[in-house]
Amino acid sequence: MEAFDADLIRSSTETIVLAALADEPKYGYQILQALRSRAGGAVGLSAGTLYPILHRLEVAGAVRASWKAGTTRKRKYYALTPKGKRRLRAKADEWQRFNALVESLLKPALASL
């Protein structure tokens, strides 16, 4: 899949990180892998982008972090809180409204080309 413009991704990073945590708690590398896999490689967030987002979400109460021992070392897992689930729903609703608006603006413009 073709990669997207970085500005489009940047404006949606919080939403896609929340979405990556919707099914189960994950540690950082798992979040990155889930996003790459689900997006067919079109979204390539870096750890340097991910961890500040996770920290902001944790401070905001949208995610809860906990340390768990793995097979080789301890890992910090992130899970959505009830507040995070509400935030994801609100962000998804906002995105769907925005997408519908852009579609309604593009259709007549593209039809005239």
Foldseek 3Di string as FASTA:
>chain_A
DAADDPVVCVVCVLLLLLVLQVPHWDFDVSSQVSSCVVVVNNDHDDPVRPPVSQVVCVVVVQWDWDWDQDPVGITIIIHGDPVVVVVNVVVVVVVVVVVVVVVVVVVVVVVVD
